[in-house]
PDB file of N, CA and C in Angstrom:
ATOM      1  N   UNK A   1       2.015   8.923  -8.527  1.00  0.00           N
ATOM      2  CA  UNK A   1       1.958  10.092  -7.027  1.00  0.00           C
ATOM      3  C   UNK A   1       3.137  10.314  -6.967  1.00  0.00           C
ATOM      4  N   UNK A   2       3.906  10.725  -5.943  1.00  0.00           N
ATOM      5  CA  UNK A   2       5.860  10.669  -5.680  1.00  0.00           C
ATOM      6  C   UNK A   2       4.810  10.543  -4.302  1.00  0.00           C
ATOM      7  N   UNK A   3       5.223   9.634  -3.499  1.00  0.00           N
ATOM      8  CA  UNK A   3       5.159  10.003  -1.796  1.00  0.00           C
ATOM      9  C   UNK A   3       7.000  10.457  -1.591  1.00  0.00           C
ATOM     10  N   UNK A   4       7.522  10.790  -1.939  1.00  0.00           N
ATOM     11  CA  UNK A   4       9.213  11.304  -1.779  1.00  0.00           C
ATOM     12  C   UNK A   4       8.427  12.312  -0.747  1.00  0.00           C
ATOM     13  N   UNK A   5       8.260  13.154  -0.408  1.00  0.00           N
ATOM     14  CA  UNK A   5       7.470  14.215   0.277  1.00  0.00           C
ATOM     15  C   UNK A   5       7.313  13.967   1.695  1.00  0.00           C
ATOM     16  N   UNK A   6       7.127  12.525   2.205  1.00  0.00           N
ATOM     17  CA  UNK A   6       6.869  11.759   3.236  1.00  0.00           C
ATOM     18  C   UNK A   6       8.590  11.398   3.888  1.00  0.00           C
ATOM     19  N   UNK A   7       9.203  11.967   4.262  1.00  0.00           N
ATOM     20  CA  UNK A   7      10.340  12.332   4.831  1.00  0.00           C
ATOM     21  C   UNK A   7      10.782  11.220   5.854  1.00  0.00           C
ATOM     22  N   UNK A   8       9.264  10.734   6.469  1.00  0.00           N
ATOM     23  CA  UNK A   8       9.285   9.521   7.804  1.00  0.00           C
ATOM     24  C   UNK A   8       9.806   8.658   7.628  1.00  0.00           C
ATOM     25  N   UNK A   9       9.577   8.824   6.223  1.00  0.00           N
ATOM     26  CA  UNK A   9       8.673   6.775   5.229  1.00  0.00           C
ATOM     27  C   UNK A   9      10.296   6.848   5.116  1.00  0.00           C
ATOM     28  N   UNK A  10      11.383   7.142   4.995  1.00  0.00           N
ATOM     29  CA  UNK A  10      12.837   7.127   4.697  1.00  0.00           C
ATOM     30  C   UNK A  10      13.485   6.690   6.578  1.00  0.00           C
ATOM     31  N   UNK A  11      13.083   6.824   7.133  1.00  0.00           N
ATOM     32  CA  UNK A  11      13.582   6.592   8.579  1.00  0.00           C
ATOM     33  C   UNK A  11      13.048   4.914   9.090  1.00  0.00           C
ATOM     34  N   UNK A  12      12.255   4.340   8.427  1.00  0.00           N
ATOM     35  CA  UNK A  12      11.412   2.786   8.222  1.00  0.00           C
ATOM     36  C   UNK A  12      12.459   1.913   7.784  1.00  0.00           C
ATOM     37  N   UNK A  13      12.927   1.249   8.552  1.00  0.00           N
ATOM     38  CA  UNK A  13      13.431  -0.584   7.475  1.00  0.00           C
ATOM     39  C   UNK A  13      12.853  -0.616   6.166  1.00  0.00           C
ATOM     40  N   UNK A  14      13.208  -0.962   5.336  1.00  0.00           N
ATOM     41  CA  UNK A  14      13.102  -0.738   4.268  1.00  0.00           C
ATOM     42  C   UNK A  14      12.394  -1.972   3.760  1.00  0.00           C
ATOM     43  N   UNK A  15      12.080  -3.239   4.271  1.00  0.00           N
ATOM     44  CA  UNK A  15      10.675  -4.360   4.550  1.00  0.00           C
ATOM     45  C   UNK A  15       9.608  -3.744   4.841  1.00  0.00           C
ATOM     46  N   UNK A  16       9.317  -3.158   5.097  1.00  0.00           N
ATOM     47  CA  UNK A  16       8.261  -1.531   5.699  1.00  0.00           C
ATOM     48  C   UNK A  16       7.920  -0.389   5.336  1.00  0.00           C
ATOM     49  N   UNK A  17       9.152   0.311   4.471  1.00  0.00           N
ATOM     50  CA  UNK A  17       8.351   1.091   3.927  1.00  0.00           C
ATOM     51  C   UNK A  17       8.617   0.539   2.351  1.00  0.00           C
ATOM     52  N   UNK A  18       8.843  -0.898   2.160  1.00  0.00           N
ATOM     53  CA  UNK A  18       8.744  -1.295   1.295  1.00  0.00           C
ATOM     54  C   UNK A  18       6.768  -1.468   1.367  1.00  0.00           C
ATOM     55  N   UNK A  19       7.277  -1.679   1.668  1.00  0.00           N
ATOM     56  CA  UNK A  19       5.019  -2.682   2.146  1.00  0.00           C
ATOM     57  C   UNK A  19       3.971  -0.741   2.087  1.00  0.00           C
ATOM     58  N   UNK A  20       4.287  -0.226   3.441  1.00  0.00           N
ATOM     59  CA  UNK A  20       3.838   0.648   3.035  1.00  0.00           C
ATOM     60  C   UNK A  20       3.984   1.861   1.729  1.00  0.00           C
ATOM     61  N   UNK A  21       5.325   1.574   0.865  1.00  0.00           N
ATOM     62  CA  UNK A  21       4.521   2.477  -0.419  1.00  0.00           C
ATOM     63  C   UNK A  21       3.391   1.701  -1.281  1.00  0.00           C
ATOM     64  N   UNK A  22       4.098  -0.110  -1.172  1.00  0.00           N
ATOM     65  CA  UNK A  22       2.884  -0.987  -2.163  1.00  0.00           C
ATOM     66  C   UNK A  22       1.203  -0.208  -1.904  1.00  0.00           C
ATOM     67  N   UNK A  23       0.916  -0.598  -0.555  1.00  0.00           N
ATOM     68  CA  UNK A  23      -0.247   0.281   0.026  1.00  0.00           C
ATOM     69  C   UNK A  23      -0.684   1.115  -0.577  1.00  0.00           C
ATOM     70  N   UNK A  24       0.450   2.224  -0.336  1.00  0.00           N
ATOM     71  CA  UNK A  24      -0.393   3.698  -1.101  1.00  0.00           C
ATOM     72  C   UNK A  24      -0.714   3.781  -2.374  1.00  0.00           C
ATOM     73  N   UNK A  25       0.471   2.778  -2.631  1.00  0.00           N
ATOM     74  CA  UNK A  25       0.348   2.752  -4.618  1.00  0.00           C
ATOM     75  C   UNK A  25      -1.383   2.001  -4.638  1.00  0.00           C
ATOM     76  N   UNK A  26      -1.676   0.927  -4.180  1.00  0.00           N
ATOM     77  CA  UNK A  26      -2.641   0.085  -4.038  1.00  0.00           C
ATOM     78  C   UNK A  26      -3.771   1.321  -4.104  1.00  0.00           C
ATOM     79  N   UNK A  27      -3.944   1.840  -3.142  1.00  0.00           N
ATOM     80  CA  UNK A  27      -5.447   3.150  -2.302  1.00  0.00           C
ATOM     81  C   UNK A  27      -4.736   3.886  -3.416  1.00  0.00           C
ATOM     82  N   UNK A  28      -4.262   4.857  -3.878  1.00  0.00           N
ATOM     83  CA  UNK A  28      -3.593   5.784  -4.937  1.00  0.00           C
ATOM     84  C   UNK A  28      -5.155   5.923  -6.289  1.00  0.00           C
ATOM     85  N   UNK A  29      -4.797   4.393  -6.598  1.00  0.00           N
ATOM     86  CA  UNK A  29      -5.239   3.860  -7.482  1.00  0.00           C
ATOM     87  C   UNK A  29      -7.033   4.429  -7.737  1.00  0.00           C
ATOM     88  N   UNK A  30      -7.699   4.031  -6.019  1.00  0.00           N
ATOM     89  CA  UNK A  30      -8.909   4.896  -5.924  1.00  0.00           C
ATOM     90  C   UNK A  30      -8.705   6.298  -5.299  1.00  0.00           C
ATOM     91  N   UNK A  31      -8.197   7.219  -5.096  1.00  0.00           N
ATOM     92  CA  UNK A  31      -7.925   8.394  -5.551  1.00  0.00           C
ATOM     93  C   UNK A  31      -9.608   9.295  -5.028  1.00  0.00           C
ATOM     94  N   UNK A  32      -9.395   9.413  -6.494  1.00  0.00           N
ATOM     95  CA  UNK A  32     -11.165   9.778  -7.330  1.00  0.00           C
ATOM     96  C   UNK A  32     -12.054   9.208  -5.815  1.00  0.00           C
ATOM     97  N   UNK A  33     -12.365   8.386  -5.205  1.00  0.00           N
ATOM     98  CA  UNK A  33     -12.963   7.885  -4.705  1.00  0.00           C
ATOM     99  C   UNK A  33     -12.849   8.375  -2.765  1.00  0.00           C
ATOM    100  N   UNK A  34     -11.885   8.383  -2.506  1.00  0.00           N
ATOM    101  CA  UNK A  34     -11.458   9.246  -0.953  1.00  0.00           C
ATOM    102  C   UNK A  34     -12.059  10.667  -1.179  1.00  0.00           C
ATOM    103  N   UNK A  35     -11.375  11.378  -2.271  1.00  0.00           N
ATOM    104  CA  UNK A  35     -10.761  12.687  -2.548  1.00  0.00           C
ATOM    105  C   UNK A  35     -12.188  13.370  -2.723  1.00  0.00           C
ATOM    106  N   UNK A  36     -13.883  12.521  -2.739  1.00  0.00           N
ATOM    107  CA  UNK A  36     -14.610  13.201  -2.396  1.00  0.00           C
ATOM    108  C   UNK A  36     -15.595  12.736  -1.468  1.00  0.00           C
ATOM    109  N   UNK A  37     -14.700  12.602   0.369  1.00  0.00           N
ATOM    110  CA  UNK A  37     -15.546  12.655   0.638  1.00  0.00           C
ATOM    111  C   UNK A  37     -15.021  13.439   1.861  1.00  0.00           C
ATOM    112  N   UNK A  38     -15.916  13.414   2.990  1.00  0.00           N
ATOM    113  CA  UNK A  38     -15.670  14.507   3.570  1.00  0.00           C
ATOM    114  C   UNK A  38     -14.059  15.183   4.353  1.00  0.00           C
ATOM    115  N   UNK A  39     -13.663  14.219   4.421  1.00  0.00           N
ATOM    116  CA  UNK A  39     -12.212  13.906   5.263  1.00  0.00           C
ATOM    117  C   UNK A  39     -11.279  13.116   4.679  1.00  0.00           C
ATOM    118  N   UNK A  40     -10.881  13.423   3.300  1.00  0.00           N
ATOM    119  CA  UNK A  40      -9.506  12.860   1.827  1.00  0.00           C
ATOM    120  C   UNK A  40      -9.058  12.205   2.907  1.00  0.00           C
ATOM    121  N   UNK A  41      -8.074  12.457   3.431  1.00  0.00           N
ATOM    122  CA  UNK A  41      -7.410  11.190   4.527  1.00  0.00           C
ATOM    123  C   UNK A  41      -7.835  10.207   4.966  1.00  0.00           C
ATOM    124  N   UNK A  42      -9.200  10.405   5.970  1.00  0.00           N
ATOM    125  CA  UNK A  42      -9.932   9.396   6.269  1.00  0.00           C
ATOM    126  C   UNK A  42      -9.918   8.720   5.565  1.00  0.00           C
ATOM    127  N   UNK A  43     -10.997   8.926   4.337  1.00  0.00           N
ATOM    128  CA  UNK A  43     -11.191   8.117   2.797  1.00  0.00           C
ATOM    129  C   UNK A  43     -10.194   7.701   2.334  1.00  0.00           C
ATOM    130  N   UNK A  44      -9.175   7.949   2.455  1.00  0.00           N
ATOM    131  CA  UNK A  44      -7.764   6.994   1.999  1.00  0.00           C
ATOM    132  C   UNK A  44      -7.803   6.354   3.043  1.00  0.00           C
ATOM    133  N   UNK A  45      -7.498   6.495   4.441  1.00  0.00           N
ATOM    134  CA  UNK A  45      -7.227   5.716   5.485  1.00  0.00           C
ATOM    135  C   UNK A  45      -8.622   3.680   5.929  1.00  0.00           C
ATOM    136  N   UNK A  46      -9.364   4.362   5.335  1.00  0.00           N
ATOM    137  CA  UNK A  46     -10.573   4.059   5.000  1.00  0.00           C
ATOM    138  C   UNK A  46     -10.120   2.721   3.934  1.00  0.00           C
ATOM    139  N   UNK A  47     -10.285   3.416   2.773  1.00  0.00           N
ATOM    140  CA  UNK A  47      -8.972   2.553   1.509  1.00  0.00           C
ATOM    141  C   UNK A  47      -8.250   1.791   2.131  1.00  0.00           C
ATOM    142  N   UNK A  48      -7.198   2.222   2.305  1.00  0.00           N
ATOM    143  CA  UNK A  48      -6.008   1.324   2.343  1.00  0.00           C
ATOM    144  C   UNK A  48      -6.425  -0.026   3.723  1.00  0.00           C
ATOM    145  N   UNK A  49      -7.043   0.212   4.508  1.00  0.00           N
ATOM    146  CA  UNK A  49      -7.874  -0.566   5.387  1.00  0.00           C
ATOM    147  C   UNK A  49      -8.404  -1.605   4.348  1.00  0.00           C
ATOM    148  N   UNK A  50      -9.041  -1.463   3.937  1.00  0.00           N
ATOM    149  CA  UNK A  50     -10.498  -2.392   2.710  1.00  0.00           C
ATOM    150  C   UNK A  50      -9.458  -3.181   1.812  1.00  0.00           C
ATOM    151  N   UNK A  51      -7.697  -2.630   1.101  1.00  0.00           N
ATOM    152  CA  UNK A  51      -7.221  -3.222   1.027  1.00  0.00           C
ATOM    153  C   UNK A  51      -6.442  -4.300   1.583  1.00  0.00           C
ATOM    154  N   UNK A  52      -6.208  -4.057   3.037  1.00  0.00           N
ATOM    155  CA  UNK A  52      -5.658  -5.324   3.125  1.00  0.00           C
ATOM    156  C   UNK A  52      -6.525  -5.945   3.950  1.00  0.00           C
ATOM    157  N   UNK A  53      -7.956  -5.855   3.872  1.00  0.00           N
ATOM    158  CA  UNK A  53      -9.227  -6.734   4.360  1.00  0.00           C
ATOM    159  C   UNK A  53      -9.009  -7.897   3.231  1.00  0.00           C
ATOM    160  N   UNK A  54      -9.009  -7.151   2.427  1.00  0.00           N
ATOM    161  CA  UNK A  54      -9.393  -7.988   1.329  1.00  0.00           C
ATOM    162  C   UNK A  54      -7.797  -8.815   0.613  1.00  0.00           C
ATOM    163  N   UNK A  55      -7.149  -8.598   0.998  1.00  0.00           N
ATOM    164  CA  UNK A  55      -5.767  -9.448   1.243  1.00  0.00           C
ATOM    165  C   UNK A  55      -5.773 -10.431   2.033  1.00  0.00           C
ATOM    166  N   UNK A  56      -6.247 -10.102   3.524  1.00  0.00           N
ATOM    167  CA  UNK A  56      -6.663 -11.368   4.605  1.00  0.00           C
ATOM    168  C   UNK A  56      -7.364 -11.889   4.223  1.00  0.00           C
ATOM    169  N   UNK A  57      -8.850 -11.254   3.425  1.00  0.00           N
ATOM    170  CA  UNK A  57      -9.443 -12.546   3.051  1.00  0.00           C
ATOM    171  C   UNK A  57      -8.877 -13.417   1.845  1.00  0.00           C
ATOM    172  N   UNK A  58      -8.261 -13.477   1.025  1.00  0.00           N
ATOM    173  CA  UNK A  58      -7.559 -14.391   0.091  1.00  0.00           C
ATOM    174  C   UNK A  58      -6.879 -14.800   0.781  1.00  0.00           C
ATOM    175  N   UNK A  59      -5.943 -14.450   1.632  1.00  0.00           N
ATOM    176  CA  UNK A  59      -4.989 -15.724   2.062  1.00  0.00           C
ATOM    177  C   UNK A  59      -6.207 -16.673   3.269  1.00  0.00           C
ATOM    178  N   UNK A  60      -7.262 -16.331   4.082  1.00  0.00           N
ATOM    179  CA  UNK A  60      -7.885 -16.849   4.514  1.00  0.00           C
ATOM    180  C   UNK A  60      -8.908 -18.003   3.417  1.00  0.00           C
ATOM    181  N   UNK A  61      -8.186 -17.890   2.429  1.00  0.00           N
ATOM    182  CA  UNK A  61      -9.205 -18.395   1.391  1.00  0.00           C
ATOM    183  C   UNK A  61      -8.132 -19.474   1.122  1.00  0.00           C
ATOM    184  N   UNK A  62      -7.037 -19.173   0.707  1.00  0.00           N
ATOM    185  CA  UNK A  62      -6.291 -20.280   0.657  1.00  0.00           C
ATOM    186  C   UNK A  62      -5.845 -20.795   1.296  1.00  0.00           C
ATOM    187  N   UNK A  63      -5.689 -20.976   2.103  1.00  0.00           N
ATOM    188  CA  UNK A  63      -5.424 -21.848   4.659  1.00  0.00           C
ATOM    189  C   UNK A  63      -6.753 -22.362   3.840  1.00  0.00           C
ATOM    190  N   UNK A  64      -8.162 -22.133   3.478  1.00  0.00           N
ATOM    191  CA  UNK A  64      -9.092 -22.630   4.532  1.00  0.00           C
ATOM    192  C   UNK A  64      -9.198 -24.073   3.026  1.00  0.00           C
ATOM    193  N   UNK A  65      -8.641 -23.235   1.634  1.00  0.00           N
ATOM    194  CA  UNK A  65      -8.512 -24.600   0.672  1.00  0.00           C
ATOM    195  C   UNK A  65      -7.415 -26.067   1.081  1.00  0.00           C
ATOM    196  N   UNK A  66      -6.138 -25.129   1.174  1.00  0.00           N
ATOM    197  CA  UNK A  66      -4.929 -25.690   1.823  1.00  0.00           C
ATOM    198  C   UNK A  66      -5.496 -26.706   3.053  1.00  0.00           C
ATOM    199  N   UNK A  67      -6.838 -26.588   4.434  1.00  0.00           N
ATOM    200  CA  UNK A  67      -6.562 -27.576   5.231  1.00  0.00           C
ATOM    201  C   UNK A  67      -7.970 -28.682   5.142  1.00  0.00           C
ATOM    202  N   UNK A  68      -8.638 -28.048   3.781  1.00  0.00           N
ATOM    203  CA  UNK A  68      -9.617 -28.982   3.086  1.00  0.00           C
ATOM    204  C   UNK A  68      -8.561 -29.944   2.067  1.00  0.00           C
ATOM    205  N   UNK A  69      -7.693 -29.504   1.412  1.00  0.00           N
ATOM    206  CA  UNK A  69      -6.880 -30.765   0.830  1.00  0.00           C
ATOM    207  C   UNK A  69      -5.770 -31.533   1.445  1.00  0.00           C
ATOM    208  N   UNK A  70      -5.315 -30.865   2.378  1.00  0.00           N
ATOM    209  CA  UNK A  70      -4.854 -31.745   3.825  1.00  0.00           C
ATOM    210  C   UNK A  70      -5.282 -33.015   4.693  1.00  0.00           C
ATOM    211  N   UNK A  71      -6.849 -31.900   4.565  1.00  0.00           N
ATOM    212  CA  UNK A  71      -7.894 -32.927   5.378  1.00  0.00           C
ATOM    213  C   UNK A  71      -8.203 -34.395   4.864  1.00  0.00           C
ATOM    214  N   UNK A  72      -8.823 -33.791   3.464  1.00  0.00           N
ATOM    215  CA  UNK A  72      -8.720 -35.028   2.677  1.00  0.00           C
ATOM    216  C   UNK A  72      -7.717 -35.741   2.294  1.00  0.00           C
ATOM    217  N   UNK A  73      -6.708 -35.691   2.235  1.00  0.00           N
ATOM    218  CA  UNK A  73      -5.286 -36.616   1.872  1.00  0.00           C
ATOM    219  C   UNK A  73      -5.682 -38.158   2.715  1.00  0.00           C
ATOM    220  N   UNK A  74      -4.993 -39.327   2.402  1.00  0.00           N
ATOM    221  CA  UNK A  74      -5.505 -40.611   2.331  1.00  0.00           C
ATOM    222  C   UNK A  74      -4.831 -41.160   3.501  1.00  0.00           C
ATOM    223  N   UNK A  75      -3.710 -40.031   4.386  1.00  0.00           N
ATOM    224  CA  UNK A  75      -3.548 -39.997   6.042  1.00  0.00           C
ATOM    225  C   UNK A  75      -4.230 -39.082   6.810  1.00  0.00           C
ATOM    226  N   UNK A  76      -4.180 -39.778   7.647  1.00  0.00           N
ATOM    227  CA  UNK A  76      -5.015 -39.580   8.685  1.00  0.00           C
ATOM    228  C   UNK A  76      -4.277 -38.549   9.326  1.00  0.00           C
ATOM    229  N   UNK A  77      -4.376 -36.823   9.099  1.00  0.00           N
ATOM    230  CA  UNK A  77      -4.106 -35.975   9.294  1.00  0.00           C
ATOM    231  C   UNK A  77      -4.794 -35.179   9.548  1.00  0.00           C
ATOM    232  N   UNK A  78      -4.854 -34.375  10.890  1.00  0.00           N
ATOM    233  CA  UNK A  78      -6.175 -33.915  11.596  1.00  0.00           C
ATOM    234  C   UNK A  78      -4.952 -32.163  11.826  1.00  0.00           C
ATOM    235  N   UNK A  79      -5.168 -31.175  10.091  1.00  0.00           N
ATOM    236  CA  UNK A  79      -4.925 -30.345  10.540  1.00  0.00           C
ATOM    237  C   UNK A  79      -4.999 -29.454  11.663  1.00  0.00           C
ATOM    238  N   UNK A  80      -6.372 -29.350  11.803  1.00  0.00           N
ATOM    239  CA  UNK A  80      -6.853 -27.678  13.094  1.00  0.00           C
ATOM    240  C   UNK A  80      -6.027 -28.532  14.193  1.00  0.00           C
ATOM    241  N   UNK A  81      -6.055 -29.755  14.811  1.00  0.00           N
ATOM    242  CA  UNK A  81      -5.372 -30.102  15.836  1.00  0.00           C
ATOM    243  C   UNK A  81      -3.827 -29.491  16.171  1.00  0.00           C
ATOM    244  N   UNK A  82      -2.863 -29.926  14.925  1.00  0.00           N
ATOM    245  CA  UNK A  82      -1.681 -29.545  14.474  1.00  0.00           C
ATOM    246  C   UNK A  82      -1.645 -28.229  15.091  1.00  0.00           C
ATOM    247  N   UNK A  83      -2.480 -27.636  14.214  1.00  0.00           N
ATOM    248  CA  UNK A  83      -2.198 -25.293  14.211  1.00  0.00           C
ATOM    249  C   UNK A  83      -2.504 -25.564  15.277  1.00  0.00           C
ATOM    250  N   UNK A  84      -3.389 -25.529  15.909  1.00  0.00           N
ATOM    251  CA  UNK A  84      -3.356 -25.607  18.116  1.00  0.00           C
ATOM    252  C   UNK A  84      -2.826 -26.005  18.465  1.00  0.00           C
ATOM    253  N   UNK A  85      -1.983 -26.723  18.616  1.00  0.00           N
ATOM    254  CA  UNK A  85      -0.955 -27.308  18.821  1.00  0.00           C
ATOM    255  C   UNK A  85       0.013 -26.518  18.962  1.00  0.00           C
ATOM    256  N   UNK A  86       0.535 -26.310  17.977  1.00  0.00           N
ATOM    257  CA  UNK A  86       1.780 -25.599  17.246  1.00  0.00           C
ATOM    258  C   UNK A  86       1.449 -23.739  17.818  1.00  0.00           C
ATOM    259  N   UNK A  87      -0.247 -23.539  18.267  1.00  0.00           N
ATOM    260  CA  UNK A  87       0.107 -22.159  18.173  1.00  0.00           C
ATOM    261  C   UNK A  87      -0.354 -22.234  20.099  1.00  0.00           C
ATOM    262  N   UNK A  88      -0.564 -23.086  20.438  1.00  0.00           N
ATOM    263  CA  UNK A  88      -0.411 -22.852  22.004  1.00  0.00           C
ATOM    264  C   UNK A  88       0.956 -22.691  22.424  1.00  0.00           C
ATOM    265  N   UNK A  89       1.718 -23.672  21.662  1.00  0.00           N
ATOM    266  CA  UNK A  89       3.595 -23.552  22.029  1.00  0.00           C
ATOM    267  C   UNK A  89       3.480 -21.985  21.451  1.00  0.00           C
ATOM    268  N   UNK A  90       3.737 -21.957  20.512  1.00  0.00           N
ATOM    269  CA  UNK A  90       4.110 -20.001  20.295  1.00  0.00           C
ATOM    270  C   UNK A  90       3.337 -19.360  21.315  1.00  0.00           C
ATOM    271  N   UNK A  91       2.312 -19.394  22.452  1.00  0.00           N
ATOM    272  CA  UNK A  91       1.670 -19.030  22.975  1.00  0.00           C
ATOM    273  C   UNK A  91       2.702 -18.984  23.997  1.00  0.00           C
ATOM    274  N   UNK A  92       2.778 -20.629  24.422  1.00  0.00           N
ATOM    275  CA  UNK A  92       3.686 -20.347  25.850  1.00  0.00           C
ATOM    276  C   UNK A  92       4.577 -20.040  26.417  1.00  0.00           C
ATOM    277  N   UNK A  93       5.250 -19.206  24.916  1.00  0.00           N
ATOM    278  CA  UNK A  93       6.991 -18.701  24.353  1.00  0.00           C
ATOM    279  C   UNK A  93       7.027 -17.918  25.208  1.00  0.00           C
ATOM    280  N   UNK A  94       5.425 -16.568  24.903  1.00  0.00           N
ATOM    281  CA  UNK A  94       5.268 -15.508  24.968  1.00  0.00           C
ATOM    282  C   UNK A  94       4.665 -15.056  26.395  1.00  0.00           C
TER     283      UNK A  94
END
């Protein structure tokens, strides 16, 4: 599907436009499904949200595996404490 008709997208920063194009391409693979929804636009949004949620879940699994690997090192490394401290410092700056 050609998304060039969406001229507002051209006004987005390049990285954001590329990200949106990627989401639209992934979502469009399921056009047959969301087009059968009562409101196809809403169905399309839900498919996009589902794709993004799957990506988040995949990243969470990677982070969990990395934390587990780091915690199993011979060294005494408390990853959660370190991450919590970094988060706390970051939040204080904002």
